Full PDB file with SEQRES, HELIX, SHEET, SSBOND, CRYST1, ORIGX, SCALE, CONECT and MASTER records, all heavy atoms in Angstrom:
SEQRES   1 A   37  GLY LEU GLY ALA VAL THR VAL TRP SER ALA THR PHE GLN          
SEQRES   2 A   37  PRO LEU VAL PHE ARG ARG THR PRO LYS LEU ILE ARG GLN          
SEQRES   3 A   37  SER ASP PRO GLU THR TYR HIS LEU SER LEU VAL                  
HELIX    1 AA1 PRO A   21  GLN A   26  1                                   6    
CRYST1    1.000    1.000    1.000  90.00  90.00  90.00 P 1           1          
ORIGX1      1.000000  0.000000  0.000000        0.00000                         
ORIGX2      0.000000  1.000000  0.000000        0.00000                         
ORIGX3      0.000000  0.000000  1.000000        0.00000                         
SCALE1      1.000000  0.000000  0.000000        0.00000                         
SCALE2      0.000000  1.000000  0.000000        0.00000                         
SCALE3      0.000000  0.000000  1.000000        0.00000                         
ATOM      1  N   GLY A   1       3.143 -22.136  -3.643  1.00  0.00           N  
ATOM      2  CA  GLY A   1       2.932 -22.060  -5.050  1.00  0.00           C  
ATOM      3  C   GLY A   1       2.410 -23.381  -5.616  1.00  0.00           C  
ATOM      4  O   GLY A   1       3.095 -24.417  -5.449  1.00  0.00           O  
ATOM      5  N   LEU A   2       1.255 -23.317  -6.312  1.00  0.00           N  
ATOM      6  CA  LEU A   2       0.758 -24.531  -6.926  1.00  0.00           C  
ATOM      7  C   LEU A   2       0.774 -24.277  -8.457  1.00  0.00           C  
ATOM      8  O   LEU A   2      -0.288 -24.217  -9.136  1.00  0.00           O  
ATOM      9  CB  LEU A   2      -0.720 -24.849  -6.479  1.00  0.00           C  
ATOM     10  CG  LEU A   2      -0.959 -24.941  -4.937  1.00  0.00           C  
ATOM     11  CD1 LEU A   2      -2.398 -25.233  -4.658  1.00  0.00           C  
ATOM     12  CD2 LEU A   2      -0.026 -25.943  -4.342  1.00  0.00           C  
ATOM     13  N   GLY A   3       1.928 -24.116  -9.071  1.00  0.00           N  
ATOM     14  CA  GLY A   3       1.998 -23.730 -10.379  1.00  0.00           C  
ATOM     15  C   GLY A   3       1.524 -22.299 -10.590  1.00  0.00           C  
ATOM     16  O   GLY A   3       2.027 -21.355  -9.971  1.00  0.00           O  
ATOM     17  N   ALA A   4       0.467 -22.108 -11.413  1.00  0.00           N  
ATOM     18  CA  ALA A   4      -0.090 -20.777 -11.600  1.00  0.00           C  
ATOM     19  C   ALA A   4      -0.955 -20.260 -10.473  1.00  0.00           C  
ATOM     20  O   ALA A   4      -1.218 -19.105 -10.322  1.00  0.00           O  
ATOM     21  CB  ALA A   4      -0.864 -20.754 -12.918  1.00  0.00           C  
ATOM     22  N   VAL A   5      -1.376 -21.269  -9.654  1.00  0.00           N  
ATOM     23  CA  VAL A   5      -2.219 -20.830  -8.476  1.00  0.00           C  
ATOM     24  C   VAL A   5      -1.433 -20.702  -7.226  1.00  0.00           C  
ATOM     25  O   VAL A   5      -0.431 -21.401  -7.030  1.00  0.00           O  
ATOM     26  CB  VAL A   5      -3.340 -21.918  -8.281  1.00  0.00           C  
ATOM     27  CG1 VAL A   5      -4.189 -21.643  -7.075  1.00  0.00           C  
ATOM     28  CG2 VAL A   5      -4.190 -22.083  -9.512  1.00  0.00           C  
ATOM     29  N   THR A   6      -1.765 -19.754  -6.394  1.00  0.00           N  
ATOM     30  CA  THR A   6      -1.061 -19.508  -5.100  1.00  0.00           C  
ATOM     31  C   THR A   6      -2.071 -19.610  -3.938  1.00  0.00           C  
ATOM     32  O   THR A   6      -3.206 -19.131  -4.013  1.00  0.00           O  
ATOM     33  CB  THR A   6      -0.466 -18.057  -5.096  1.00  0.00           C  
ATOM     34  OG1 THR A   6       0.378 -17.963  -6.231  1.00  0.00           O  
ATOM     35  CG2 THR A   6       0.321 -17.883  -3.788  1.00  0.00           C  
ATOM     36  N   VAL A   7      -1.656 -20.325  -2.914  1.00  0.00           N  
ATOM     37  CA  VAL A   7      -2.392 -20.485  -1.676  1.00  0.00           C  
ATOM     38  C   VAL A   7      -1.569 -20.045  -0.587  1.00  0.00           C  
ATOM     39  O   VAL A   7      -0.336 -20.244  -0.470  1.00  0.00           O  
ATOM     40  CB  VAL A   7      -2.761 -21.998  -1.428  1.00  0.00           C  
ATOM     41  CG1 VAL A   7      -3.539 -22.146  -0.169  1.00  0.00           C  
ATOM     42  CG2 VAL A   7      -3.623 -22.504  -2.604  1.00  0.00           C  
ATOM     43  N   TRP A   8      -2.200 -19.354   0.419  1.00  0.00           N  
ATOM     44  CA  TRP A   8      -1.447 -18.860   1.564  1.00  0.00           C  
ATOM     45  C   TRP A   8      -2.294 -18.771   2.825  1.00  0.00           C  
ATOM     46  O   TRP A   8      -3.511 -18.686   2.678  1.00  0.00           O  
ATOM     47  CB  TRP A   8      -0.711 -17.569   1.303  1.00  0.00           C  
ATOM     48  CG  TRP A   8      -1.599 -16.362   1.312  1.00  0.00           C  
ATOM     49  CD1 TRP A   8      -1.912 -15.569   2.371  1.00  0.00           C  
ATOM     50  CD2 TRP A   8      -2.272 -15.854   0.234  1.00  0.00           C  
ATOM     51  NE1 TRP A   8      -2.682 -14.517   1.985  1.00  0.00           N  
ATOM     52  CE2 TRP A   8      -2.974 -14.685   0.707  1.00  0.00           C  
ATOM     53  CE3 TRP A   8      -2.401 -16.155  -1.183  1.00  0.00           C  
ATOM     54  CZ2 TRP A   8      -3.730 -13.913  -0.150  1.00  0.00           C  
ATOM     55  CZ3 TRP A   8      -3.158 -15.376  -1.971  1.00  0.00           C  
ATOM     56  CH2 TRP A   8      -3.812 -14.269  -1.472  1.00  0.00           C  
ATOM     57  N   SER A   9      -1.674 -18.733   3.933  1.00  0.00           N  
ATOM     58  CA  SER A   9      -2.357 -18.429   5.211  1.00  0.00           C  
ATOM     59  C   SER A   9      -1.651 -17.207   5.804  1.00  0.00           C  
ATOM     60  O   SER A   9      -0.426 -17.048   5.602  1.00  0.00           O  
ATOM     61  CB  SER A   9      -2.275 -19.566   6.131  1.00  0.00           C  
ATOM     62  OG  SER A   9      -0.909 -19.905   6.478  1.00  0.00           O  
ATOM     63  N   ALA A  10      -2.381 -16.381   6.470  1.00  0.00           N  
ATOM     64  CA  ALA A  10      -1.740 -15.145   7.041  1.00  0.00           C  
ATOM     65  C   ALA A  10      -2.382 -14.777   8.368  1.00  0.00           C  
ATOM     66  O   ALA A  10      -3.669 -15.040   8.554  1.00  0.00           O  
ATOM     67  CB  ALA A  10      -1.956 -13.992   6.046  1.00  0.00           C  
ATOM     68  N   THR A  11      -1.647 -14.339   9.290  1.00  0.00           N  
ATOM     69  CA  THR A  11      -2.172 -13.789  10.555  1.00  0.00           C  
ATOM     70  C   THR A  11      -1.519 -12.386  10.678  1.00  0.00           C  
ATOM     71  O   THR A  11      -0.236 -12.320  10.579  1.00  0.00           O  
ATOM     72  CB  THR A  11      -1.713 -14.725  11.672  1.00  0.00           C  
ATOM     73  OG1 THR A  11      -2.258 -16.013  11.459  1.00  0.00           O  
ATOM     74  CG2 THR A  11      -2.245 -14.168  13.013  1.00  0.00           C  
ATOM     75  N   PHE A  12      -2.298 -11.466  10.968  1.00  0.00           N  
ATOM     76  CA  PHE A  12      -1.737 -10.010  11.027  1.00  0.00           C  
ATOM     77  C   PHE A  12      -2.621  -9.152  11.885  1.00  0.00           C  
ATOM     78  O   PHE A  12      -3.783  -9.467  12.221  1.00  0.00           O  
ATOM     79  CB  PHE A  12      -1.601  -9.428   9.585  1.00  0.00           C  
ATOM     80  CG  PHE A  12      -2.867  -9.540   8.811  1.00  0.00           C  
ATOM     81  CD1 PHE A  12      -3.789  -8.511   8.788  1.00  0.00           C  
ATOM     82  CD2 PHE A  12      -3.115 -10.658   8.035  1.00  0.00           C  
ATOM     83  CE1 PHE A  12      -4.947  -8.598   8.018  1.00  0.00           C  
ATOM     84  CE2 PHE A  12      -4.290 -10.781   7.280  1.00  0.00           C  
ATOM     85  CZ  PHE A  12      -5.205  -9.646   7.273  1.00  0.00           C  
ATOM     86  N   GLN A  13      -2.101  -7.969  12.257  1.00  0.00           N  
ATOM     87  CA  GLN A  13      -2.853  -6.986  13.004  1.00  0.00           C  
ATOM     88  C   GLN A  13      -3.711  -6.232  12.039  1.00  0.00           C  
ATOM     89  O   GLN A  13      -3.466  -6.195  10.841  1.00  0.00           O  
ATOM     90  CB  GLN A  13      -1.811  -6.106  13.785  1.00  0.00           C  
ATOM     91  CG  GLN A  13      -1.157  -6.849  14.927  1.00  0.00           C  
ATOM     92  CD  GLN A  13      -0.229  -5.969  15.749  1.00  0.00           C  
ATOM     93  OE1 GLN A  13       0.768  -5.422  15.151  1.00  0.00           O  
ATOM     94  NE2 GLN A  13      -0.530  -5.780  17.013  1.00  0.00           N  
ATOM     95  N   PRO A  14      -4.702  -5.479  12.604  1.00  0.00           N  
ATOM     96  CA  PRO A  14      -5.707  -4.800  11.722  1.00  0.00           C  
ATOM     97  C   PRO A  14      -4.957  -3.915  10.638  1.00  0.00           C  
ATOM     98  O   PRO A  14      -4.013  -3.174  10.950  1.00  0.00           O  
ATOM     99  CB  PRO A  14      -6.516  -4.006  12.651  1.00  0.00           C  
ATOM    100  CG  PRO A  14      -6.466  -4.712  13.928  1.00  0.00           C  
ATOM    101  CD  PRO A  14      -5.061  -5.325  14.011  1.00  0.00           C  
ATOM    102  N   LEU A  15      -5.494  -3.921   9.430  1.00  0.00           N  
ATOM    103  CA  LEU A  15      -4.955  -3.206   8.325  1.00  0.00           C  
ATOM    104  C   LEU A  15      -6.038  -2.653   7.444  1.00  0.00           C  
ATOM    105  O   LEU A  15      -7.162  -3.102   7.442  1.00  0.00           O  
ATOM    106  CB  LEU A  15      -4.092  -4.158   7.445  1.00  0.00           C  
ATOM    107  CG  LEU A  15      -2.700  -4.516   7.832  1.00  0.00           C  
ATOM    108  CD1 LEU A  15      -2.132  -5.576   6.890  1.00  0.00           C  
ATOM    109  CD2 LEU A  15      -1.802  -3.284   7.658  1.00  0.00           C  
ATOM    110  N   VAL A  16      -5.667  -1.678   6.648  1.00  0.00           N  
ATOM    111  CA  VAL A  16      -6.483  -1.151   5.517  1.00  0.00           C  
ATOM    112  C   VAL A  16      -5.531  -1.430   4.263  1.00  0.00           C  
ATOM    113  O   VAL A  16      -4.458  -0.938   4.162  1.00  0.00           O  
ATOM    114  CB  VAL A  16      -6.828   0.313   5.635  1.00  0.00           C  
ATOM    115  CG1 VAL A  16      -7.569   0.755   4.394  1.00  0.00           C  
ATOM    116  CG2 VAL A  16      -7.645   0.564   6.897  1.00  0.00           C  
ATOM    117  N   PHE A  17      -6.126  -2.240   3.324  1.00  0.00           N  
ATOM    118  CA  PHE A  17      -5.481  -2.547   2.038  1.00  0.00           C  
ATOM    119  C   PHE A  17      -6.134  -1.624   0.959  1.00  0.00           C  
ATOM    120  O   PHE A  17      -7.369  -1.591   0.924  1.00  0.00           O  
ATOM    121  CB  PHE A  17      -5.659  -3.996   1.657  1.00  0.00           C  
ATOM    122  CG  PHE A  17      -5.194  -5.021   2.661  1.00  0.00           C  
ATOM    123  CD1 PHE A  17      -6.021  -5.333   3.731  1.00  0.00           C  
ATOM    124  CD2 PHE A  17      -3.940  -5.566   2.622  1.00  0.00           C  
ATOM    125  CE1 PHE A  17      -5.582  -6.321   4.707  1.00  0.00           C  
ATOM    126  CE2 PHE A  17      -3.552  -6.514   3.517  1.00  0.00           C  
ATOM    127  CZ  PHE A  17      -4.393  -6.922   4.508  1.00  0.00           C  
ATOM    128  N   ARG A  18      -5.358  -1.002   0.155  1.00  0.00           N  
ATOM    129  CA  ARG A  18      -5.903  -0.163  -0.903  1.00  0.00           C  
ATOM    130  C   ARG A  18      -5.213  -0.442  -2.215  1.00  0.00           C  
ATOM    131  O   ARG A  18      -4.013  -0.408  -2.332  1.00  0.00           O  
ATOM    132  CB  ARG A  18      -5.775   1.294  -0.547  1.00  0.00           C  
ATOM    133  CG  ARG A  18      -6.093   2.293  -1.711  1.00  0.00           C  
ATOM    134  CD  ARG A  18      -6.192   3.726  -1.303  1.00  0.00           C  
ATOM    135  NE  ARG A  18      -7.425   3.904  -0.490  1.00  0.00           N  
ATOM    136  CZ  ARG A  18      -7.807   5.130  -0.060  1.00  0.00           C  
ATOM    137  NH1 ARG A  18      -7.057   6.204  -0.203  1.00  0.00           N  
ATOM    138  NH2 ARG A  18      -8.962   5.245   0.601  1.00  0.00           N  
ATOM    139  N   ARG A  19      -6.053  -0.750  -3.269  1.00  0.00           N  
ATOM    140  CA  ARG A  19      -5.519  -0.913  -4.612  1.00  0.00           C  
ATOM    141  C   ARG A  19      -6.176   0.245  -5.366  1.00  0.00           C  
ATOM    142  O   ARG A  19      -7.419   0.399  -5.599  1.00  0.00           O  
ATOM    143  CB  ARG A  19      -6.092  -2.206  -5.294  1.00  0.00           C  
ATOM    144  CG  ARG A  19      -5.264  -3.427  -4.978  1.00  0.00           C  
ATOM    145  CD  ARG A  19      -3.980  -3.522  -5.696  1.00  0.00           C  
ATOM    146  NE  ARG A  19      -4.164  -3.993  -7.103  1.00  0.00           N  
ATOM    147  CZ  ARG A  19      -3.183  -3.912  -8.019  1.00  0.00           C  
ATOM    148  NH1 ARG A  19      -2.021  -3.401  -7.757  1.00  0.00           N  
ATOM    149  NH2 ARG A  19      -3.444  -4.337  -9.262  1.00  0.00           N  
ATOM    150  N   THR A  20      -5.273   1.154  -5.866  1.00  0.00           N  
ATOM    151  CA  THR A  20      -5.741   2.388  -6.533  1.00  0.00           C  
ATOM    152  C   THR A  20      -5.629   2.163  -8.045  1.00  0.00           C  
ATOM    153  O   THR A  20      -4.901   1.289  -8.548  1.00  0.00           O  
ATOM    154  CB  THR A  20      -4.858   3.555  -6.147  1.00  0.00           C  
ATOM    155  OG1 THR A  20      -3.532   3.335  -6.555  1.00  0.00           O  
ATOM    156  CG2 THR A  20      -4.858   3.710  -4.639  1.00  0.00           C  
ATOM    157  N   PRO A  21      -6.299   2.985  -8.843  1.00  0.00           N  
ATOM    158  CA  PRO A  21      -6.184   2.904 -10.316  1.00  0.00           C  
ATOM    159  C   PRO A  21      -4.704   3.065 -10.745  1.00  0.00           C  
ATOM    160  O   PRO A  21      -4.272   2.361 -11.705  1.00  0.00           O  
ATOM    161  CB  PRO A  21      -7.014   4.055 -10.851  1.00  0.00           C  
ATOM    162  CG  PRO A  21      -8.083   4.215  -9.796  1.00  0.00           C  
ATOM    163  CD  PRO A  21      -7.353   3.968  -8.491  1.00  0.00           C  
ATOM    164  N   LYS A  22      -3.987   3.887 -10.100  1.00  0.00           N  
ATOM    165  CA  LYS A  22      -2.557   4.121 -10.413  1.00  0.00           C  
ATOM    166  C   LYS A  22      -1.749   2.834 -10.211  1.00  0.00           C  
ATOM    167  O   LYS A  22      -0.926   2.405 -11.051  1.00  0.00           O  
ATOM    168  CB  LYS A  22      -1.991   5.201  -9.619  1.00  0.00           C  
ATOM    169  CG  LYS A  22      -0.497   5.546  -9.930  1.00  0.00           C  
ATOM    170  CD  LYS A  22      -0.006   6.684  -9.106  1.00  0.00           C  
ATOM    171  CE  LYS A  22       1.506   6.993  -9.408  1.00  0.00           C  
ATOM    172  NZ  LYS A  22       2.024   8.115  -8.622  1.00  0.00           N  
ATOM    173  N   LEU A  23      -1.957   2.147  -9.144  1.00  0.00           N  
ATOM    174  CA  LEU A  23      -1.247   0.957  -8.807  1.00  0.00           C  
ATOM    175  C   LEU A  23      -1.673  -0.215  -9.799  1.00  0.00           C  
ATOM    176  O   LEU A  23      -0.776  -0.956 -10.228  1.00  0.00           O  
ATOM    177  CB  LEU A  23      -1.517   0.445  -7.390  1.00  0.00           C  
ATOM    178  CG  LEU A  23      -0.852   1.263  -6.256  1.00  0.00           C  
ATOM    179  CD1 LEU A  23      -1.282   0.797  -4.918  1.00  0.00           C  
ATOM    180  CD2 LEU A  23       0.610   1.196  -6.389  1.00  0.00           C  
ATOM    181  N   ILE A  24      -2.889  -0.234 -10.140  1.00  0.00           N  
ATOM    182  CA  ILE A  24      -3.420  -1.234 -11.118  1.00  0.00           C  
ATOM    183  C   ILE A  24      -2.716  -0.972 -12.446  1.00  0.00           C  
ATOM    184  O   ILE A  24      -2.332  -1.921 -13.174  1.00  0.00           O  
ATOM    185  CB  ILE A  24      -4.955  -1.190 -11.274  1.00  0.00           C  
ATOM    186  CG1 ILE A  24      -5.493  -1.644  -9.945  1.00  0.00           C  
ATOM    187  CG2 ILE A  24      -5.428  -2.028 -12.412  1.00  0.00           C  
ATOM    188  CD1 ILE A  24      -7.020  -1.403  -9.781  1.00  0.00           C  
ATOM    189  N   ARG A  25      -2.610   0.271 -12.814  1.00  0.00           N  
ATOM    190  CA  ARG A  25      -1.916   0.606 -14.165  1.00  0.00           C  
ATOM    191  C   ARG A  25      -0.440   0.205 -14.091  1.00  0.00           C  
ATOM    192  O   ARG A  25       0.147  -0.288 -15.100  1.00  0.00           O  
ATOM    193  CB  ARG A  25      -2.076   2.095 -14.489  1.00  0.00           C  
ATOM    194  CG  ARG A  25      -3.453   2.495 -14.930  1.00  0.00           C  
ATOM    195  CD  ARG A  25      -3.386   3.882 -15.551  1.00  0.00           C  
ATOM    196  NE  ARG A  25      -2.993   4.865 -14.637  1.00  0.00           N  
ATOM    197  CZ  ARG A  25      -3.737   5.554 -13.791  1.00  0.00           C  
ATOM    198  NH1 ARG A  25      -5.096   5.356 -13.826  1.00  0.00           N  
ATOM    199  NH2 ARG A  25      -3.318   6.479 -13.020  1.00  0.00           N  
ATOM    200  N   GLN A  26       0.137   0.366 -12.991  1.00  0.00           N  
ATOM    201  CA  GLN A  26       1.595   0.049 -12.849  1.00  0.00           C  
ATOM    202  C   GLN A  26       1.843  -1.504 -12.813  1.00  0.00           C  
ATOM    203  O   GLN A  26       2.811  -1.937 -13.434  1.00  0.00           O  
ATOM    204  CB  GLN A  26       2.175   0.618 -11.468  1.00  0.00           C  
ATOM    205  CG  GLN A  26       2.246   2.168 -11.533  1.00  0.00           C  
ATOM    206  CD  GLN A  26       2.674   2.639 -10.168  1.00  0.00           C  
ATOM    207  OE1 GLN A  26       2.800   1.969  -9.171  1.00  0.00           O  
ATOM    208  NE2 GLN A  26       2.957   3.965 -10.135  1.00  0.00           N  
ATOM    209  N   SER A  27       0.949  -2.218 -12.179  1.00  0.00           N  
ATOM    210  CA  SER A  27       1.162  -3.645 -12.106  1.00  0.00           C  
ATOM    211  C   SER A  27      -0.182  -4.306 -11.711  1.00  0.00           C  
ATOM    212  O   SER A  27      -0.820  -4.063 -10.812  1.00  0.00           O  
ATOM    213  CB  SER A  27       2.120  -3.987 -10.996  1.00  0.00           C  
ATOM    214  OG  SER A  27       2.266  -5.404 -10.803  1.00  0.00           O  
ATOM    215  N   ASP A  28      -0.610  -5.238 -12.678  1.00  0.00           N  
ATOM    216  CA  ASP A  28      -1.828  -6.001 -12.479  1.00  0.00           C  
ATOM    217  C   ASP A  28      -1.557  -7.458 -12.890  1.00  0.00           C  
ATOM    218  O   ASP A  28      -1.447  -7.809 -14.075  1.00  0.00           O  
ATOM    219  CB  ASP A  28      -2.978  -5.448 -13.362  1.00  0.00           C  
ATOM    220  CG  ASP A  28      -4.243  -6.164 -13.144  1.00  0.00           C  
ATOM    221  OD1 ASP A  28      -4.318  -7.052 -12.201  1.00  0.00           O  
ATOM    222  OD2 ASP A  28      -5.227  -5.863 -13.842  1.00  0.00           O  
ATOM    223  N   PRO A  29      -1.492  -8.337 -11.909  1.00  0.00           N  
ATOM    224  CA  PRO A  29      -1.290  -9.783 -12.184  1.00  0.00           C  
ATOM    225  C   PRO A  29      -2.502 -10.461 -12.795  1.00  0.00           C  
ATOM    226  O   PRO A  29      -2.385 -11.579 -13.116  1.00  0.00           O  
ATOM    227  CB  PRO A  29      -0.956 -10.348 -10.851  1.00  0.00           C  
ATOM    228  CG  PRO A  29      -1.574  -9.478  -9.815  1.00  0.00           C  
ATOM    229  CD  PRO A  29      -1.518  -8.093 -10.478  1.00  0.00           C  
ATOM    230  N   GLU A  30      -3.654  -9.739 -12.936  1.00  0.00           N  
ATOM    231  CA  GLU A  30      -4.845 -10.306 -13.545  1.00  0.00           C  
ATOM    232  C   GLU A  30      -5.265 -11.576 -12.767  1.00  0.00           C  
ATOM    233  O   GLU A  30      -5.347 -12.665 -13.356  1.00  0.00           O  
ATOM    234  CB  GLU A  30      -4.598 -10.571 -15.041  1.00  0.00           C  
ATOM    235  CG  GLU A  30      -4.384  -9.367 -15.865  1.00  0.00           C  
ATOM    236  CD  GLU A  30      -5.701  -8.743 -16.361  1.00  0.00           C  
ATOM    237  OE1 GLU A  30      -6.767  -9.461 -16.272  1.00  0.00           O  
ATOM    238  OE2 GLU A  30      -5.777  -7.563 -16.734  1.00  0.00           O  
ATOM    239  N   THR A  31      -5.538 -11.461 -11.459  1.00  0.00           N  
ATOM    240  CA  THR A  31      -5.978 -12.608 -10.634  1.00  0.00           C  
ATOM    241  C   THR A  31      -7.234 -12.332  -9.933  1.00  0.00           C  
ATOM    242  O   THR A  31      -7.593 -11.198  -9.690  1.00  0.00           O  
ATOM    243  CB  THR A  31      -4.866 -12.946  -9.651  1.00  0.00           C  
ATOM    244  OG1 THR A  31      -4.600 -11.765  -8.804  1.00  0.00           O  
ATOM    245  CG2 THR A  31      -3.609 -13.352 -10.323  1.00  0.00           C  
ATOM    246  N   TYR A  32      -7.974 -13.405  -9.687  1.00  0.00           N  
ATOM    247  CA  TYR A  32      -8.996 -13.395  -8.682  1.00  0.00           C  
ATOM    248  C   TYR A  32      -8.420 -13.785  -7.287  1.00  0.00           C  
ATOM    249  O   TYR A  32      -7.645 -14.638  -7.194  1.00  0.00           O  
ATOM    250  CB  TYR A  32     -10.136 -14.311  -9.021  1.00  0.00           C  
ATOM    251  CG  TYR A  32     -11.015 -13.820 -10.164  1.00  0.00           C  
ATOM    252  CD1 TYR A  32     -10.976 -14.488 -11.344  1.00  0.00           C  
ATOM    253  CD2 TYR A  32     -11.818 -12.671 -10.089  1.00  0.00           C  
ATOM    254  CE1 TYR A  32     -11.784 -14.045 -12.456  1.00  0.00           C  
ATOM    255  CE2 TYR A  32     -12.585 -12.248 -11.128  1.00  0.00           C  
ATOM    256  CZ  TYR A  32     -12.569 -12.933 -12.313  1.00  0.00           C  
ATOM    257  OH  TYR A  32     -13.324 -12.504 -13.401  1.00  0.00           O  
ATOM    258  N   HIS A  33      -8.833 -13.110  -6.278  1.00  0.00           N  
ATOM    259  CA  HIS A  33      -8.426 -13.309  -4.932  1.00  0.00           C  
ATOM    260  C   HIS A  33      -9.609 -13.768  -4.116  1.00  0.00           C  
ATOM    261  O   HIS A  33     -10.576 -13.162  -3.990  1.00  0.00           O  
ATOM    262  CB  HIS A  33      -7.793 -12.043  -4.320  1.00  0.00           C  
ATOM    263  CG  HIS A  33      -7.524 -12.096  -2.841  1.00  0.00           C  
ATOM    264  ND1 HIS A  33      -6.237 -12.109  -2.380  1.00  0.00           N  
ATOM    265  CD2 HIS A  33      -8.372 -12.146  -1.823  1.00  0.00           C  
ATOM    266  CE1 HIS A  33      -6.284 -12.239  -1.031  1.00  0.00           C  
ATOM    267  NE2 HIS A  33      -7.544 -12.191  -0.666  1.00  0.00           N  
ATOM    268  N   LEU A  34      -9.458 -14.961  -3.484  1.00  0.00           N  
ATOM    269  CA  LEU A  34     -10.462 -15.532  -2.637  1.00  0.00           C  
ATOM    270  C   LEU A  34      -9.898 -15.840  -1.222  1.00  0.00           C  
ATOM    271  O   LEU A  34      -8.858 -16.485  -1.125  1.00  0.00           O  
ATOM    272  CB  LEU A  34     -11.077 -16.852  -3.134  1.00  0.00           C  
ATOM    273  CG  LEU A  34     -11.832 -16.695  -4.506  1.00  0.00           C  
ATOM    274  CD1 LEU A  34     -10.912 -16.935  -5.669  1.00  0.00           C  
ATOM    275  CD2 LEU A  34     -13.036 -17.650  -4.560  1.00  0.00           C  
ATOM    276  N   SER A  35     -10.498 -15.241  -0.219  1.00  0.00           N  
ATOM    277  CA  SER A  35      -9.945 -15.305   1.103  1.00  0.00           C  
ATOM    278  C   SER A  35     -10.996 -15.780   2.099  1.00  0.00           C  
ATOM    279  O   SER A  35     -12.127 -15.189   2.183  1.00  0.00           O  
ATOM    280  CB  SER A  35      -9.390 -13.896   1.527  1.00  0.00           C  
ATOM    281  OG  SER A  35      -8.851 -14.028   2.837  1.00  0.00           O  
ATOM    282  N   LEU A  36     -10.660 -16.854   2.832  1.00  0.00           N  
ATOM    283  CA  LEU A  36     -11.512 -17.313   3.883  1.00  0.00           C  
ATOM    284  C   LEU A  36     -11.162 -16.585   5.203  1.00  0.00           C  
ATOM    285  O   LEU A  36     -10.000 -16.661   5.669  1.00  0.00           O  
ATOM    286  CB  LEU A  36     -11.325 -18.825   4.096  1.00  0.00           C  
ATOM    287  CG  LEU A  36     -11.915 -19.452   5.350  1.00  0.00           C  
ATOM    288  CD1 LEU A  36     -13.438 -19.427   5.278  1.00  0.00           C  
ATOM    289  CD2 LEU A  36     -11.468 -20.925   5.530  1.00  0.00           C  
ATOM    290  N   VAL A  37     -12.143 -15.920   5.766  1.00  0.00           N  
ATOM    291  CA  VAL A  37     -11.934 -15.239   7.036  1.00  0.00           C  
ATOM    292  C   VAL A  37     -12.095 -16.235   8.149  1.00  0.00           C  
ATOM    293  O   VAL A  37     -13.116 -16.712   8.434  1.00  0.00           O  
ATOM    294  CB  VAL A  37     -12.938 -14.089   7.221  1.00  0.00           C  
ATOM    295  CG1 VAL A  37     -12.677 -13.297   8.540  1.00  0.00           C  
ATOM    296  CG2 VAL A  37     -12.890 -13.078   5.996  1.00  0.00           C  
TER     297      VAL A  37                                                      
MASTER        0    0    0    1    0    0    0    6  296    1    0    3          
END                                                                             
């Protein structure tokens, strides 16, 4: 945690991530996500 900004590293097995309209209505942190592959 860098105050309001968050930085992380992750290692994981193959995944499918899904953000649906319903999940967005339930909770939206209003952030931009930038990820270096």
